[in-house]
C-alpha atoms as a PDB file:
ATOM      1  CA  MET A   1     115.389 120.632  98.834  1.00  0.00           C
ATOM      2  CA  LYS A   2     112.754 118.003  99.622  1.00  0.00           C
ATOM      3  CA  TYR A   3     113.441 114.726 101.380  1.00  0.00           C
ATOM      4  CA  LEU A   4     111.284 111.621 101.631  1.00  0.00           C
ATOM      5  CA  VAL A   5     112.344 109.520 104.614  1.00  0.00           C
ATOM      6  CA  CYS A   6     111.524 105.847 105.139  1.00  0.00           C
ATOM      7  CA  ALA A   7     112.886 103.013 107.267  1.00  0.00           C
ATOM      8  CA  ASP A   8     112.610  99.345 108.168  1.00  0.00           C
ATOM      9  CA  ILE A   9     111.262  98.022 104.881  1.00  0.00           C
ATOM     10  CA  HIS A  10     111.972  94.387 105.866  1.00  0.00           C
ATOM     11  CA  LEU A  11     111.599  92.661 102.521  1.00  0.00           C
ATOM     12  CA  ASN A  12     110.981  88.967 103.165  1.00  0.00           C
ATOM     13  CA  ILE A  13     109.702  86.532 100.529  1.00  0.00           C
ATOM     14  CA  ASN A  14     108.301  84.307 103.288  1.00  0.00           C
ATOM     15  CA  ARG A  15     106.384  87.037 105.056  1.00  0.00           C
ATOM     16  CA  ARG A  16     103.832  89.109 103.147  1.00  0.00           C
ATOM     17  CA  PHE A  17     106.262  89.963 100.369  1.00  0.00           C
ATOM     18  CA  GLU A  18     103.565  91.366  98.074  1.00  0.00           C
ATOM     19  CA  ASP A  19     102.329  93.749 100.782  1.00  0.00           C
ATOM     20  CA  THR A  20     105.829  95.179 101.184  1.00  0.00           C
ATOM     21  CA  LEU A  21     106.169  95.574  97.424  1.00  0.00           C
ATOM     22  CA  ASP A  22     102.847  97.403  97.424  1.00  0.00           C
ATOM     23  CA  ALA A  23     104.149  99.859 100.046  1.00  0.00           C
ATOM     24  CA  LEU A  24     107.297 100.412  97.966  1.00  0.00           C
ATOM     25  CA  GLY A  25     105.103 100.995  94.936  1.00  0.00           C
ATOM     26  CA  GLN A  26     103.210 103.703  96.800  1.00  0.00           C
ATOM     27  CA  ILE A  27     106.503 105.439  97.604  1.00  0.00           C
ATOM     28  CA  LEU A  28     107.521 105.152  93.957  1.00  0.00           C
ATOM     29  CA  VAL A  29     104.411 107.157  93.045  1.00  0.00           C
ATOM     30  CA  LEU A  30     104.716 109.619  95.938  1.00  0.00           C
ATOM     31  CA  ALA A  31     108.336 110.673  95.470  1.00  0.00           C
ATOM     32  CA  PRO A  32     108.055 112.130  91.930  1.00  0.00           C
ATOM     33  CA  SER A  33     104.593 113.586  92.574  1.00  0.00           C
ATOM     34  CA  LEU A  34     105.957 115.500  95.573  1.00  0.00           C
ATOM     35  CA  ASN A  35     109.016 116.667  93.596  1.00  0.00           C
ATOM     36  CA  VAL A  36     111.307 114.971  96.094  1.00  0.00           C
ATOM     37  CA  ASP A  37     115.053 115.494  95.587  1.00  0.00           C
ATOM     38  CA  LYS A  38     116.303 112.722  97.857  1.00  0.00           C
ATOM     39  CA  VAL A  39     114.927 109.520  99.343  1.00  0.00           C
ATOM     40  CA  LEU A  40     116.569 108.577 102.644  1.00  0.00           C
ATOM     41  CA  ILE A  41     116.338 104.907 103.667  1.00  0.00           C
ATOM     42  CA  LEU A  42     117.204 104.463 107.340  1.00  0.00           C
ATOM     43  CA  GLY A  43     118.259 100.816 107.445  1.00  0.00           C
ATOM     44  CA  ASP A  44     116.837  97.296 107.503  1.00  0.00           C
ATOM     45  CA  VAL A  45     115.682  96.975 103.919  1.00  0.00           C
ATOM     46  CA  TYR A  46     115.756  93.200 104.377  1.00  0.00           C
ATOM     47  CA  THR A  47     114.768  90.946 107.266  1.00  0.00           C
ATOM     48  CA  SER A  48     117.631  88.522 106.672  1.00  0.00           C
ATOM     49  CA  ARG A  49     121.299  89.461 106.692  1.00  0.00           C
ATOM     50  CA  ARG A  50     121.604  87.241 103.626  1.00  0.00           C
ATOM     51  CA  PRO A  51     118.565  88.249 101.579  1.00  0.00           C
ATOM     52  CA  HIS A  52     117.038  86.027  98.928  1.00  0.00           C
ATOM     53  CA  SER A  53     117.870  86.911  95.343  1.00  0.00           C
ATOM     54  CA  LYS A  54     114.208  87.741  94.725  1.00  0.00           C
ATOM     55  CA  GLU A  55     114.263  90.266  97.573  1.00  0.00           C
ATOM     56  CA  LYS A  56     117.452  91.883  96.312  1.00  0.00           C
ATOM     57  CA  ALA A  57     116.161  92.042  92.737  1.00  0.00           C
ATOM     58  CA  ALA A  58     112.942  93.737  93.884  1.00  0.00           C
ATOM     59  CA  PHE A  59     114.813  96.362  95.897  1.00  0.00           C
ATOM     60  CA  GLU A  60     117.327  97.019  93.128  1.00  0.00           C
ATOM     61  CA  ARG A  61     114.511  97.575  90.601  1.00  0.00           C
ATOM     62  CA  TRP A  62     112.821  99.992  92.997  1.00  0.00           C
ATOM     63  CA  VAL A  63     116.020 101.964  93.625  1.00  0.00           C
ATOM     64  CA  ARG A  64     116.834 102.138  89.909  1.00  0.00           C
ATOM     65  CA  LYS A  65     113.366 103.547  89.130  1.00  0.00           C
ATOM     66  CA  LEU A  66     113.892 106.298  91.683  1.00  0.00           C
ATOM     67  CA  ALA A  67     117.396 107.002  90.375  1.00  0.00           C
ATOM     68  CA  ASP A  68     116.193 107.014  86.763  1.00  0.00           C
ATOM     69  CA  ALA A  69     113.648 109.658  87.784  1.00  0.00           C
ATOM     70  CA  GLY A  70     116.541 111.858  88.912  1.00  0.00           C
ATOM     71  CA  ILE A  71     115.949 111.255  92.619  1.00  0.00           C
ATOM     72  CA  GLU A  72     119.022 110.679  94.752  1.00  0.00           C
ATOM     73  CA  VAL A  73     118.765 107.581  96.961  1.00  0.00           C
ATOM     74  CA  ILE A  74     120.652 107.461 100.265  1.00  0.00           C
ATOM     75  CA  ILE A  75     120.827 104.005 101.892  1.00  0.00           C
ATOM     76  CA  LEU A  76     121.870 103.659 105.534  1.00  0.00           C
ATOM     77  CA  LYS A  77     123.031 100.258 106.711  1.00  0.00           C
ATOM     78  CA  GLY A  78     120.858  98.765 109.462  1.00  0.00           C
ATOM     79  CA  ASN A  79     121.470  96.031 112.016  1.00  0.00           C
ATOM     80  CA  HIS A  80     119.898  93.449 109.661  1.00  0.00           C
ATOM     81  CA  ASP A  81     122.088  94.505 106.749  1.00  0.00           C
ATOM     82  CA  GLU A  82     125.702  93.718 107.691  1.00  0.00           C
ATOM     83  CA  TYR A  83     127.497  90.374 107.780  1.00  0.00           C
ATOM     84  CA  PRO A  84     130.065  89.423 110.439  1.00  0.00           C
ATOM     85  CA  ASP A  85     132.827  89.660 107.819  1.00  0.00           C
ATOM     86  CA  GLY A  86     132.044  93.338 107.206  1.00  0.00           C
ATOM     87  CA  THR A  87     130.261  92.950 103.867  1.00  0.00           C
ATOM     88  CA  HIS A  88     126.678  94.120 103.566  1.00  0.00           C
ATOM     89  CA  SER A  89     123.433  93.619 101.684  1.00  0.00           C
ATOM     90  CA  TYR A  90     123.995  96.614  99.381  1.00  0.00           C
ATOM     91  CA  SER A  91     127.419  95.664  98.012  1.00  0.00           C
ATOM     92  CA  GLU A  92     126.130  95.719  94.436  1.00  0.00           C
ATOM     93  CA  PHE A  93     125.321  99.442  94.706  1.00  0.00           C
ATOM     94  CA  THR A  94     128.824 100.341  95.890  1.00  0.00           C
ATOM     95  CA  GLU A  95     130.538  97.981  93.430  1.00  0.00           C
ATOM     96  CA  LEU A  96     128.548  99.089  90.379  1.00  0.00           C
ATOM     97  CA  GLN A  97     128.588 102.759  91.402  1.00  0.00           C
ATOM     98  CA  ILE A  98     125.032 103.328  90.214  1.00  0.00           C
ATOM     99  CA  PRO A  99     124.438 107.061  89.621  1.00  0.00           C
ATOM    100  CA  HIS A 100     122.372 108.873  92.266  1.00  0.00           C
ATOM    101  CA  VAL A 101     122.721 105.975  94.754  1.00  0.00           C
ATOM    102  CA  THR A 102     125.020 106.015  97.799  1.00  0.00           C
ATOM    103  CA  VAL A 103     125.376 103.627 100.733  1.00  0.00           C
ATOM    104  CA  HIS A 104     126.436 104.911 104.172  1.00  0.00           C
ATOM    105  CA  ASN A 105     127.624 103.327 107.376  1.00  0.00           C
ATOM    106  CA  ASN A 106     125.512 103.802 110.482  1.00  0.00           C
ATOM    107  CA  PRO A 107     125.333 106.565 111.625  1.00  0.00           C
ATOM    108  CA  ALA A 108     125.846 109.043 108.772  1.00  0.00           C
ATOM    109  CA  ILE A 109     125.585 112.768 108.130  1.00  0.00           C
ATOM    110  CA  VAL A 110     123.763 113.918 104.990  1.00  0.00           C
ATOM    111  CA  ASP A 111     123.066 117.607 104.322  1.00  0.00           C
ATOM    112  CA  ASN A 112     123.617 118.307 108.031  1.00  0.00           C
ATOM    113  CA  PHE A 113     120.993 115.715 108.987  1.00  0.00           C
ATOM    114  CA  PHE A 114     122.054 112.969 111.378  1.00  0.00           C
ATOM    115  CA  LEU A 115     120.874 109.611 110.018  1.00  0.00           C
ATOM    116  CA  GLY A 116     120.857 106.728 112.473  1.00  0.00           C
ATOM    117  CA  HIS A 117     119.555 103.213 112.884  1.00  0.00           C
ATOM    118  CA  MET A 118     119.412 102.867 116.653  1.00  0.00           C
ATOM    119  CA  LEU A 119     117.247 102.536 119.741  1.00  0.00           C
ATOM    120  CA  LEU A 120     116.759 105.505 122.070  1.00  0.00           C
ATOM    121  CA  ARG A 121     115.609 105.174 125.671  1.00  0.00           C
ATOM    122  CA  GLU A 122     112.600 107.407 125.016  1.00  0.00           C
ATOM    123  CA  ALA A 123     111.387 105.350 122.049  1.00  0.00           C
ATOM    124  CA  LYS A 124     108.106 103.553 122.650  1.00  0.00           C
ATOM    125  CA  LEU A 125     108.031  99.913 121.613  1.00  0.00           C
ATOM    126  CA  GLY A 126     105.100  97.626 120.919  1.00  0.00           C
ATOM    127  CA  PRO A 127     101.446  98.021 121.845  1.00  0.00           C
ATOM    128  CA  ILE A 128     102.202  98.870 125.509  1.00  0.00           C
ATOM    129  CA  ASP A 129     104.741 101.606 124.663  1.00  0.00           C
ATOM    130  CA  TYR A 130     107.566  99.838 126.494  1.00  0.00           C
ATOM    131  CA  GLN A 131     110.778 101.872 126.864  1.00  0.00           C
ATOM    132  CA  HIS A 132     114.179 100.192 127.196  1.00  0.00           C
ATOM    133  CA  PRO A 133     116.093 101.644 130.186  1.00  0.00           C
ATOM    134  CA  ASP A 134     119.530 100.552 128.928  1.00  0.00           C
ATOM    135  CA  ALA A 135     119.324 102.308 125.555  1.00  0.00           C
ATOM    136  CA  MET A 136     121.060 105.592 124.787  1.00  0.00           C
ATOM    137  CA  SER A 137     119.024 108.623 125.873  1.00  0.00           C
ATOM    138  CA  THR A 138     118.140 111.480 123.544  1.00  0.00           C
ATOM    139  CA  ASP A 139     120.311 113.854 125.591  1.00  0.00           C
ATOM    140  CA  GLU A 140     123.244 111.459 125.236  1.00  0.00           C
ATOM    141  CA  LEU A 141     122.711 111.282 121.470  1.00  0.00           C
ATOM    142  CA  LEU A 142     122.667 115.094 121.161  1.00  0.00           C
ATOM    143  CA  ALA A 143     125.762 115.426 123.345  1.00  0.00           C
ATOM    144  CA  LYS A 144     127.669 112.844 121.326  1.00  0.00           C
ATOM    145  CA  PHE A 145     126.541 114.201 117.933  1.00  0.00           C
ATOM    146  CA  PRO A 146     125.716 117.882 118.501  1.00  0.00           C
ATOM    147  CA  ASN A 147     124.436 120.705 116.324  1.00  0.00           C
ATOM    148  CA  TYR A 148     122.697 118.915 113.475  1.00  0.00           C
ATOM    149  CA  ARG A 149     119.524 120.265 111.913  1.00  0.00           C
ATOM    150  CA  GLY A 150     117.638 117.075 112.632  1.00  0.00           C
ATOM    151  CA  TYR A 151     118.062 113.485 113.786  1.00  0.00           C
ATOM    152  CA  LEU A 152     116.252 111.032 111.506  1.00  0.00           C
ATOM    153  CA  LEU A 153     116.089 107.527 112.913  1.00  0.00           C
ATOM    154  CA  GLY A 154     115.198 103.967 111.981  1.00  0.00           C
ATOM    155  CA  ASP A 155     115.048 100.656 113.911  1.00  0.00           C
ATOM    156  CA  VAL A 156     111.852 101.352 115.885  1.00  0.00           C
ATOM    157  CA  HIS A 157     108.816 100.352 113.832  1.00  0.00           C
ATOM    158  CA  LYS A 158     106.365 102.789 115.423  1.00  0.00           C
ATOM    159  CA  HIS A 159     106.500 106.289 113.911  1.00  0.00           C
ATOM    160  CA  GLN A 160     107.054 108.792 116.732  1.00  0.00           C
ATOM    161  CA  LEU A 161     108.360 112.267 117.410  1.00  0.00           C
ATOM    162  CA  ILE A 162     110.927 112.081 120.212  1.00  0.00           C
ATOM    163  CA  ARG A 163     111.822 115.776 120.332  1.00  0.00           C
ATOM    164  CA  LYS A 164     110.764 118.786 118.294  1.00  0.00           C
ATOM    165  CA  SER A 165     113.804 121.037 118.783  1.00  0.00           C
ATOM    166  CA  PRO A 166     116.113 119.817 117.502  1.00  0.00           C
ATOM    167  CA  LEU A 167     114.010 117.402 115.516  1.00  0.00           C
ATOM    168  CA  VAL A 168     114.461 113.804 116.687  1.00  0.00           C
ATOM    169  CA  VAL A 169     112.033 111.472 114.947  1.00  0.00           C
ATOM    170  CA  TYR A 170     111.538 107.823 114.032  1.00  0.00           C
ATOM    171  CA  ALA A 171     110.119 107.333 110.550  1.00  0.00           C
ATOM    172  CA  GLY A 172     108.699 103.917 111.506  1.00  0.00           C
ATOM    173  CA  SER A 173     108.340 100.912 109.234  1.00  0.00           C
ATOM    174  CA  ILE A 174     106.460 101.267 105.936  1.00  0.00           C
ATOM    175  CA  ASN A 175     104.294  98.201 106.516  1.00  0.00           C
ATOM    176  CA  ARG A 176     102.848  96.291 109.477  1.00  0.00           C
ATOM    177  CA  VAL A 177     105.336  93.573 110.359  1.00  0.00           C
ATOM    178  CA  ASP A 178     103.409  91.740 113.115  1.00  0.00           C
ATOM    179  CA  PHE A 179     100.267  91.943 115.241  1.00  0.00           C
ATOM    180  CA  GLY A 180     101.996  94.120 117.816  1.00  0.00           C
ATOM    181  CA  GLU A 181     101.822  96.859 115.158  1.00  0.00           C
ATOM    182  CA  ARG A 182      98.202  96.286 114.150  1.00  0.00           C
ATOM    183  CA  ASN A 183      97.008  99.683 115.430  1.00  0.00           C
ATOM    184  CA  ASP A 184     100.011 101.702 114.208  1.00  0.00           C
ATOM    185  CA  PRO A 185      99.722 103.926 111.126  1.00  0.00           C
ATOM    186  CA  LYS A 186     102.502 103.256 108.610  1.00  0.00           C
ATOM    187  CA  GLY A 187     104.082 105.745 106.282  1.00  0.00           C
ATOM    188  CA  VAL A 188     106.972 108.035 105.363  1.00  0.00           C
ATOM    189  CA  LEU A 189     108.231 111.474 106.353  1.00  0.00           C
ATOM    190  CA  LEU A 190     108.386 114.486 104.058  1.00  0.00           C
ATOM    191  CA  ILE A 191     110.850 117.230 104.968  1.00  0.00           C
ATOM    192  CA  ASP A 192     110.927 120.450 102.952  1.00  0.00           C
ATOM    193  CA  ASP A 193     113.686 123.038 103.405  1.00  0.00           C
ATOM    194  CA  LYS A 194     111.084 125.744 102.759  1.00  0.00           C
ATOM    195  CA  ASP A 195     109.148 124.776 105.891  1.00  0.00           C
ATOM    196  CA  GLU A 196     109.931 125.779 109.453  1.00  0.00           C
ATOM    197  CA  VAL A 197     113.114 124.197 110.823  1.00  0.00           C
ATOM    198  CA  GLY A 198     112.259 120.993 112.688  1.00  0.00           C
ATOM    199  CA  SER A 199     108.934 120.473 110.931  1.00  0.00           C
ATOM    200  CA  TYR A 200     107.939 117.473 108.839  1.00  0.00           C
ATOM    201  CA  LYS A 201     104.839 115.818 107.437  1.00  0.00           C
ATOM    202  CA  PHE A 202     103.922 112.211 108.089  1.00  0.00           C
ATOM    203  CA  ILE A 203     102.337 110.726 104.982  1.00  0.00           C
ATOM    204  CA  GLU A 204     100.423 107.564 105.751  1.00  0.00           C
ATOM    205  CA  LEU A 205     100.673 104.649 103.359  1.00  0.00           C
ATOM    206  CA  LYS A 206      97.918 102.151 102.786  1.00  0.00           C
ATOM    207  CA  SER A 207      98.805  99.070 104.835  1.00  0.00           C
ATOM    208  CA  ARG A 208      96.894  95.826 105.073  1.00  0.00           C
ATOM    209  CA  PRO A 209      94.830  95.817 108.293  1.00  0.00           C
ATOM    210  CA  MET A 210      95.410  93.274 111.044  1.00  0.00           C
ATOM    211  CA  ILE A 211      92.515  92.253 113.299  1.00  0.00           C
ATOM    212  CA  GLN A 212      92.864  90.185 116.461  1.00  0.00           C
ATOM    213  CA  TYR A 213      89.999  88.430 118.264  1.00  0.00           C
ATOM    214  CA  ASP A 214      90.623  87.196 121.814  1.00  0.00           C
ATOM    215  CA  ILE A 215      87.859  84.681 122.534  1.00  0.00           C
ATOM    216  CA  ASP A 216      87.022  83.700 126.115  1.00  0.00           C
ATOM    217  CA  LEU A 217      85.511  80.221 125.804  1.00  0.00           C
ATOM    218  CA  SER A 218      83.728  80.636 129.134  1.00  0.00           C
ATOM    219  CA  LYS A 219      81.449  83.087 127.331  1.00  0.00           C
ATOM    220  CA  ALA A 220      79.270  82.978 124.261  1.00  0.00           C
ATOM    221  CA  LEU A 221      81.027  83.476 120.937  1.00  0.00           C
ATOM    222  CA  PRO A 222      80.738  87.108 119.801  1.00  0.00           C
ATOM    223  CA  ALA A 223      78.768  88.184 116.775  1.00  0.00           C
ATOM    224  CA  LEU A 224      80.860  88.584 113.642  1.00  0.00           C
ATOM    225  CA  LYS A 225      80.933  91.734 111.524  1.00  0.00           C
ATOM    226  CA  LEU A 226      82.293  90.255 108.329  1.00  0.00           C
ATOM    227  CA  LYS A 227      82.112  93.525 106.384  1.00  0.00           C
ATOM    228  CA  GLU A 228      84.694  95.030 108.756  1.00  0.00           C
ATOM    229  CA  ILE A 229      87.186  92.267 108.009  1.00  0.00           C
ATOM    230  CA  GLY A 230      87.708  93.164 104.374  1.00  0.00           C
ATOM    231  CA  ASP A 231      91.033  91.850 103.116  1.00  0.00           C
ATOM    232  CA  ALA A 232      92.669  91.854 106.558  1.00  0.00           C
ATOM    233  CA  ILE A 233      94.969  89.359 108.219  1.00  0.00           C
ATOM    234  CA  VAL A 234      92.962  87.947 111.115  1.00  0.00           C
ATOM    235  CA  LYS A 235      94.209  86.242 114.252  1.00  0.00           C
ATOM    236  CA  ILE A 236      91.877  84.380 116.593  1.00  0.00           C
ATOM    237  CA  ILE A 237      93.129  83.371 120.049  1.00  0.00           C
ATOM    238  CA  TYR A 238      90.910  81.014 122.036  1.00  0.00           C
ATOM    239  CA  HIS A 239      91.395  81.281 125.809  1.00  0.00           C
ATOM    240  CA  GLY A 240      90.088  78.551 128.099  1.00  0.00           C
ATOM    241  CA  THR A 241      90.606  75.451 130.210  1.00  0.00           C
ATOM    242  CA  PRO A 242      91.210  72.033 128.604  1.00  0.00           C
ATOM    243  CA  ALA A 243      87.504  71.269 129.059  1.00  0.00           C
ATOM    244  CA  GLN A 244      86.487  74.554 127.491  1.00  0.00           C
ATOM    245  CA  MET A 245      88.846  73.945 124.589  1.00  0.00           C
ATOM    246  CA  LYS A 246      86.533  71.144 123.504  1.00  0.00           C
ATOM    247  CA  LYS A 247      84.224  73.932 122.425  1.00  0.00           C
ATOM    248  CA  VAL A 248      86.737  74.889 119.770  1.00  0.00           C
ATOM    249  CA  THR A 249      85.347  72.145 117.534  1.00  0.00           C
ATOM    250  CA  LYS A 250      82.030  73.977 117.697  1.00  0.00           C
ATOM    251  CA  ALA A 251      83.866  77.246 117.139  1.00  0.00           C
ATOM    252  CA  ASP A 252      85.355  75.888 113.920  1.00  0.00           C
ATOM    253  CA  THR A 253      82.204  76.950 112.116  1.00  0.00           C
ATOM    254  CA  TRP A 254      82.585  80.424 113.631  1.00  0.00           C
ATOM    255  CA  HIS A 255      86.163  81.065 112.576  1.00  0.00           C
ATOM    256  CA  ASN A 256      85.812  79.216 109.274  1.00  0.00           C
ATOM    257  CA  SER A 257      83.119  81.722 108.329  1.00  0.00           C
ATOM    258  CA  ILE A 258      85.861  84.356 108.501  1.00  0.00           C
ATOM    259  CA  ARG A 259      88.245  82.416 106.282  1.00  0.00           C
ATOM    260  CA  GLY A 260      86.555  83.331 103.035  1.00  0.00           C
ATOM    261  CA  TYR A 261      86.641  87.049 103.826  1.00  0.00           C
ATOM    262  CA  CYS A 262      90.177  87.652 105.072  1.00  0.00           C
ATOM    263  CA  LYS A 263      93.576  87.517 103.386  1.00  0.00           C
ATOM    264  CA  GLU A 264      94.973  85.149 106.003  1.00  0.00           C
ATOM    265  CA  LEU A 265      93.564  83.462 109.113  1.00  0.00           C
ATOM    266  CA  ILE A 266      95.671  82.486 112.123  1.00  0.00           C
ATOM    267  CA  VAL A 267      94.119  80.413 114.921  1.00  0.00           C
ATOM    268  CA  GLN A 268      95.866  79.954 118.272  1.00  0.00           C
ATOM    269  CA  HIS A 269      94.877  78.269 121.546  1.00  0.00           C
ATOM    270  CA  ASP A 270      95.717  79.578 124.999  1.00  0.00           C
ATOM    271  CA  VAL A 271      95.060  76.654 127.356  1.00  0.00           C
ATOM    272  CA  ILE A 272      94.646  77.664 131.009  1.00  0.00           C
ATOM    273  CA  THR A 273      95.820  74.926 133.384  1.00  0.00           C
ATOM    274  CA  GLY A 274      96.507  74.642 137.112  1.00  0.00           C
ATOM    275  CA  THR A 275      94.930  76.474 140.010  1.00  0.00           C
ATOM    276  CA  VAL A 276      96.917  79.736 139.964  1.00  0.00           C
ATOM    277  CA  ALA A 277      94.728  82.675 140.970  1.00  0.00           C
ATOM    278  CA  ARG A 278      93.937  84.721 137.911  1.00  0.00           C
ATOM    279  CA  ASP A 279      94.875  88.381 137.754  1.00  0.00           C
ATOM    280  CA  GLU A 280      91.601  90.152 137.007  1.00  0.00           C
ATOM    281  CA  ARG A 281      93.463  92.636 134.838  1.00  0.00           C
ATOM    282  CA  VAL A 282      94.475  89.840 132.468  1.00  0.00           C
ATOM    283  CA  ASN A 283      91.544  89.371 130.133  1.00  0.00           C
ATOM    284  CA  GLU A 284      90.660  89.331 126.467  1.00  0.00           C
ATOM    285  CA  SER A 285      90.924  93.117 126.217  1.00  0.00           C
ATOM    286  CA  ILE A 286      94.700  93.239 126.718  1.00  0.00           C
ATOM    287  CA  THR A 287      97.596  92.119 124.554  1.00  0.00           C
ATOM    288  CA  PRO A 288     100.036  89.270 125.306  1.00  0.00           C
ATOM    289  CA  GLN A 289     102.724  91.921 125.838  1.00  0.00           C
ATOM    290  CA  LYS A 290     100.615  93.653 128.497  1.00  0.00           C
ATOM    291  CA  ALA A 291      99.897  90.317 130.205  1.00  0.00           C
ATOM    292  CA  LEU A 292     103.638  89.634 130.378  1.00  0.00           C
ATOM    293  CA  GLU A 293     104.213  93.085 131.858  1.00  0.00           C
ATOM    294  CA  LEU A 294     101.599  92.441 134.570  1.00  0.00           C
ATOM    295  CA  TYR A 295     103.145  89.056 135.370  1.00  0.00           C
ATOM    296  CA  LEU A 296     106.606  90.577 135.765  1.00  0.00           C
ATOM    297  CA  GLU A 297     105.196  93.191 138.138  1.00  0.00           C
ATOM    298  CA  LYS A 298     104.520  90.389 140.634  1.00  0.00           C
ATOM    299  CA  LEU A 299     108.090  89.064 140.621  1.00  0.00           C
ATOM    300  CA  GLY A 300     109.561  91.082 143.456  1.00  0.00           C
ATOM    301  CA  GLU A 301     112.773  89.053 143.525  1.00  0.00           C
ATOM    302  CA  LEU A 302     113.897  90.456 140.161  1.00  0.00           C
ATOM    303  CA  SER A 303     115.555  93.836 139.649  1.00  0.00           C
ATOM    304  CA  PRO A 304     114.018  96.374 137.213  1.00  0.00           C
ATOM    305  CA  GLU A 305     116.895  95.697 134.807  1.00  0.00           C
ATOM    306  CA  GLU A 306     116.293  91.922 134.918  1.00  0.00           C
ATOM    307  CA  LYS A 307     112.576  92.449 134.341  1.00  0.00           C
ATOM    308  CA  ALA A 308     113.346  94.727 131.372  1.00  0.00           C
ATOM    309  CA  ASP A 309     115.610  92.096 129.793  1.00  0.00           C
ATOM    310  CA  ILE A 310     113.012  89.325 130.308  1.00  0.00           C
ATOM    311  CA  PHE A 311     110.289  91.554 128.881  1.00  0.00           C
ATOM    312  CA  LYS A 312     112.333  92.348 125.760  1.00  0.00           C
ATOM    313  CA  LEU A 313     113.020  88.636 125.169  1.00  0.00           C
ATOM    314  CA  GLY A 314     109.346  87.835 125.729  1.00  0.00           C
ATOM    315  CA  VAL A 315     108.206  90.496 123.256  1.00  0.00           C
ATOM    316  CA  ASP A 316     110.640  89.131 120.654  1.00  0.00           C
ATOM    317  CA  LEU A 317     109.147  85.633 121.117  1.00  0.00           C
ATOM    318  CA  ILE A 318     105.576  86.950 120.949  1.00  0.00           C
ATOM    319  CA  ASP A 319     106.360  88.892 117.762  1.00  0.00           C
ATOM    320  CA  ALA A 320     108.070  85.873 116.218  1.00  0.00           C
ATOM    321  CA  ALA A 321     104.950  83.778 116.855  1.00  0.00           C
ATOM    322  CA  ALA A 322     102.621  86.472 115.500  1.00  0.00           C
END
């Protein structure tokens, strides 16, 4: 028996819909070519709990093509998939009883695999590998749901092996969702019963690159390497004082030269005001998430738990603005 495992598809017509369809198309080619018996989808197919009809139609077509090829499709409900009234985004599959397609509550057991859409304490989040101290630990998960051959998880977008024996692994999202994931490889897992217990292969999918430039306006503008940009999504963040921000008009020529090369260009301005002493560790080489972490380090009046909650909220806001 061969399994192809994917998670966190996040179909969204307002957010790089075609890129997500491209990733699904790659899976549609992979699954039959690898002689896969089952495709396991570990939650969060859609971004919205009430997906657009275009999103639902695209997913239904994709599932039907897999099912028509004789591949069983297992769909696990994620936290973005259920409504407060108990209905869910995949009602049409359960109502129509499409052959080879089943929908499961979270968590579920399939062929002695534990399937879950959940956050573990050991999971690394974002570009700084933040770990949430209040989440369930791996030991707690294994104690609560013991003796399964493997624990296949969704919800965390970064693919990562949490434990080898028994296998505890996050498949990761199939496509880059925001700039916090710009350096993460995206793909699917392949599990073959013929291989050693607990082993899997990560198969990387082609995902549109994301490139971020942090520009310190107190320095000369860097030289551009346009050939490296390709068809990427590019974000430029200008950092400087109000006076230095006047240079941005001159920089327009610089970033506009990128516009014709990239898929999408995002320009942001980080205006530095006041006379607060600057932390030398906060510079253009670190991410906004890391800068927030360094700032919270200085707040001695907050408990570690309070800092963790503030950090999580801050990361959500940063990702939403990405």
